[in-house]
Amino acid sequence: MREAMKAIEAEAKERAGAKEASKAERAGADQDEIAQAVKQAEDKATPPAKAQRNFTDPESRIMKTADASFHYCYSGQAVVDEKSQVVLAGALTQQATDVDQLTR
């Protein structure tokens, strides 16, 4: 549980730092000012009260499933040769939808 809490806190700091860096860059700040703003944002960052972490598989994400419930899942895609029934490629993602998974 301690490791999960550390990971949740690290993610919150990373998000806050990235948000502040983007904001400072748009304002035209130099690199030193950006670094200082990021550090301050990371020091103040706290995770949301409802933040969750899957202990057994932290890379999976909560997704809505076909039965309208929510589960920790991955989204899988496979490319199969229709004639020979051979799997040509496969991939797992953390995105709930298959949009943008097939290249044209």
C-alpha atoms as a PDB file:
ATOM      1  CA  MET A   1       0.000   0.000   0.000  1.00  0.00           C
ATOM      2  CA  ARG A   2       2.882   2.352   0.713  1.00  0.00           C
ATOM      3  CA  GLU A   3       4.268   1.804  -2.786  1.00  0.00           C
ATOM      4  CA  ALA A   4       0.855   2.461  -4.328  1.00  0.00           C
ATOM      5  CA  MET A   5       0.489   5.672  -2.329  1.00  0.00           C
ATOM      6  CA  LYS A   6       3.962   6.804  -3.408  1.00  0.00           C
ATOM      7  CA  ALA A   7       3.038   6.110  -7.042  1.00  0.00           C
ATOM      8  CA  ILE A   8      -0.221   8.067  -6.727  1.00  0.00           C
ATOM      9  CA  GLU A   9       1.645  11.002  -5.158  1.00  0.00           C
ATOM     10  CA  ALA A  10       4.337  10.876  -7.869  1.00  0.00           C
ATOM     11  CA  GLU A  11       1.675  10.955 -10.595  1.00  0.00           C
ATOM     12  CA  ALA A  12       0.017  13.970  -8.978  1.00  0.00           C
ATOM     13  CA  LYS A  13       3.360  15.788  -8.817  1.00  0.00           C
ATOM     14  CA  GLU A  14       4.161  14.903 -12.420  1.00  0.00           C
ATOM     15  CA  ARG A  15       0.777  16.174 -13.650  1.00  0.00           C
ATOM     16  CA  ALA A  16       1.070  19.400 -11.635  1.00  0.00           C
ATOM     17  CA  GLY A  17       4.624  19.994 -12.883  1.00  0.00           C
ATOM     18  CA  ALA A  18       3.682  19.398 -16.513  1.00  0.00           C
ATOM     19  CA  LYS A  19       0.670  21.691 -16.235  1.00  0.00           C
ATOM     20  CA  GLU A  20       2.739  24.465 -14.659  1.00  0.00           C
ATOM     21  CA  ALA A  21       5.544  24.061 -17.235  1.00  0.00           C
ATOM     22  CA  SER A  22       3.058  24.397 -20.080  1.00  0.00           C
ATOM     23  CA  LYS A  23       1.513  27.456 -18.458  1.00  0.00           C
ATOM     24  CA  ALA A  24       4.935  29.103 -17.916  1.00  0.00           C
ATOM     25  CA  GLU A  25       6.040  28.357 -21.494  1.00  0.00           C
ATOM     26  CA  ARG A  26       2.906  30.004 -22.890  1.00  0.00           C
ATOM     27  CA  ALA A  27       3.650  33.047 -20.721  1.00  0.00           C
ATOM     28  CA  GLY A  28       7.132  33.271 -22.299  1.00  0.00           C
ATOM     29  CA  ALA A  29       9.163  32.430 -19.196  1.00  0.00           C
ATOM     30  CA  ASP A  30      12.814  31.427 -19.504  1.00  0.00           C
ATOM     31  CA  GLN A  31      14.108  27.973 -18.492  1.00  0.00           C
ATOM     32  CA  ASP A  32      15.053  29.001 -14.933  1.00  0.00           C
ATOM     33  CA  GLU A  33      11.612  30.486 -14.297  1.00  0.00           C
ATOM     34  CA  ILE A  34       9.943  27.388 -15.756  1.00  0.00           C
ATOM     35  CA  ALA A  35      12.032  25.067 -13.569  1.00  0.00           C
ATOM     36  CA  GLN A  36      11.214  27.111 -10.467  1.00  0.00           C
ATOM     37  CA  ALA A  37       7.484  27.130 -11.291  1.00  0.00           C
ATOM     38  CA  VAL A  38       7.527  23.364 -11.846  1.00  0.00           C
ATOM     39  CA  LYS A  39       9.281  22.744  -8.523  1.00  0.00           C
ATOM     40  CA  GLN A  40       6.796  24.917  -6.641  1.00  0.00           C
ATOM     41  CA  ALA A  41       3.842  23.169  -8.306  1.00  0.00           C
ATOM     42  CA  GLU A  42       5.271  19.727  -7.518  1.00  0.00           C
ATOM     43  CA  ASP A  43       5.846  20.689  -3.871  1.00  0.00           C
ATOM     44  CA  LYS A  44       2.200  21.773  -3.493  1.00  0.00           C
ATOM     45  CA  ALA A  45       0.686  18.874  -5.469  1.00  0.00           C
ATOM     46  CA  THR A  46      -1.577  16.408  -3.704  1.00  0.00           C
ATOM     47  CA  PRO A  47      -3.429  13.459  -5.242  1.00  0.00           C
ATOM     48  CA  PRO A  48      -7.220  13.573  -5.574  1.00  0.00           C
ATOM     49  CA  ALA A  49      -9.083  12.121  -2.590  1.00  0.00           C
ATOM     50  CA  LYS A  50     -10.611   9.379  -4.750  1.00  0.00           C
ATOM     51  CA  ALA A  51      -7.362   8.361  -6.472  1.00  0.00           C
ATOM     52  CA  GLN A  52      -7.071   4.585  -6.830  1.00  0.00           C
ATOM     53  CA  ARG A  53      -4.338   2.115  -7.691  1.00  0.00           C
ATOM     54  CA  ASN A  54      -4.628  -1.526  -8.665  1.00  0.00           C
ATOM     55  CA  PHE A  55      -2.201  -3.474  -6.446  1.00  0.00           C
ATOM     56  CA  THR A  56      -2.001  -6.604  -8.598  1.00  0.00           C
ATOM     57  CA  ASP A  57      -1.694  -4.903 -12.015  1.00  0.00           C
ATOM     58  CA  PRO A  58      -0.910  -1.178 -11.749  1.00  0.00           C
ATOM     59  CA  GLU A  59      -0.655  -0.751 -15.521  1.00  0.00           C
ATOM     60  CA  SER A  60      -4.313  -1.640 -16.131  1.00  0.00           C
ATOM     61  CA  ARG A  61      -7.003   1.054 -16.152  1.00  0.00           C
ATOM     62  CA  ILE A  62     -10.639   1.213 -15.077  1.00  0.00           C
ATOM     63  CA  MET A  63     -12.783   0.788 -18.192  1.00  0.00           C
ATOM     64  CA  LYS A  64     -16.473   0.436 -18.877  1.00  0.00           C
ATOM     65  CA  THR A  65     -17.209  -3.068 -20.128  1.00  0.00           C
ATOM     66  CA  ALA A  66     -19.932  -4.509 -22.366  1.00  0.00           C
ATOM     67  CA  ASP A  67     -22.184  -5.263 -19.387  1.00  0.00           C
ATOM     68  CA  ALA A  68     -22.122  -1.535 -18.413  1.00  0.00           C
ATOM     69  CA  SER A  69     -19.982  -2.169 -15.332  1.00  0.00           C
ATOM     70  CA  PHE A  70     -16.445  -0.970 -14.657  1.00  0.00           C
ATOM     71  CA  HIS A  71     -13.417  -3.253 -14.334  1.00  0.00           C
ATOM     72  CA  TYR A  72      -9.635  -2.955 -14.420  1.00  0.00           C
ATOM     73  CA  CYS A  73      -8.857  -3.894 -18.022  1.00  0.00           C
ATOM     74  CA  TYR A  74      -6.775  -3.512 -21.125  1.00  0.00           C
ATOM     75  CA  SER A  75      -8.076  -3.035 -24.641  1.00  0.00           C
ATOM     76  CA  GLY A  76      -6.709  -5.611 -27.056  1.00  0.00           C
ATOM     77  CA  GLN A  77      -6.500  -5.493 -30.837  1.00  0.00           C
ATOM     78  CA  ALA A  78      -5.426  -8.169 -33.282  1.00  0.00           C
ATOM     79  CA  VAL A  79      -4.820  -8.159 -37.024  1.00  0.00           C
ATOM     80  CA  VAL A  80      -5.661 -11.488 -38.657  1.00  0.00           C
ATOM     81  CA  ASP A  81      -5.175 -12.668 -42.231  1.00  0.00           C
ATOM     82  CA  GLU A  82      -8.722 -13.588 -43.227  1.00  0.00           C
ATOM     83  CA  LYS A  83      -7.726 -16.279 -45.714  1.00  0.00           C
ATOM     84  CA  SER A  84      -5.144 -18.214 -43.710  1.00  0.00           C
ATOM     85  CA  GLN A  85      -6.489 -17.341 -40.236  1.00  0.00           C
ATOM     86  CA  VAL A  86      -3.012 -16.335 -39.051  1.00  0.00           C
ATOM     87  CA  VAL A  87      -2.572 -13.591 -36.457  1.00  0.00           C
ATOM     88  CA  LEU A  88      -0.308 -10.972 -38.031  1.00  0.00           C
ATOM     89  CA  ALA A  89      -0.107  -8.498 -35.141  1.00  0.00           C
ATOM     90  CA  GLY A  90      -1.488  -7.892 -31.692  1.00  0.00           C
ATOM     91  CA  ALA A  91      -1.384  -5.080 -29.170  1.00  0.00           C
ATOM     92  CA  LEU A  92      -2.715  -4.084 -25.755  1.00  0.00           C
ATOM     93  CA  THR A  93      -3.473  -0.505 -24.785  1.00  0.00           C
ATOM     94  CA  GLN A  94      -4.753   1.337 -21.750  1.00  0.00           C
ATOM     95  CA  GLN A  95      -7.287   3.258 -23.850  1.00  0.00           C
ATOM     96  CA  ALA A  96     -10.909   2.272 -23.382  1.00  0.00           C
ATOM     97  CA  THR A  97     -11.902   2.851 -27.006  1.00  0.00           C
ATOM     98  CA  ASP A  98     -10.406   1.381 -30.154  1.00  0.00           C
ATOM     99  CA  VAL A  99     -10.365   4.764 -31.865  1.00  0.00           C
ATOM    100  CA  ASP A 100      -6.976   5.501 -33.467  1.00  0.00           C
ATOM    101  CA  GLN A 101      -5.750   1.938 -32.941  1.00  0.00           C
ATOM    102  CA  LEU A 102      -5.994   0.912 -36.609  1.00  0.00           C
ATOM    103  CA  THR A 103      -3.607   2.633 -38.988  1.00  0.00           C
ATOM    104  CA  ARG A 104      -5.004   3.433 -42.392  1.00  0.00           C
END
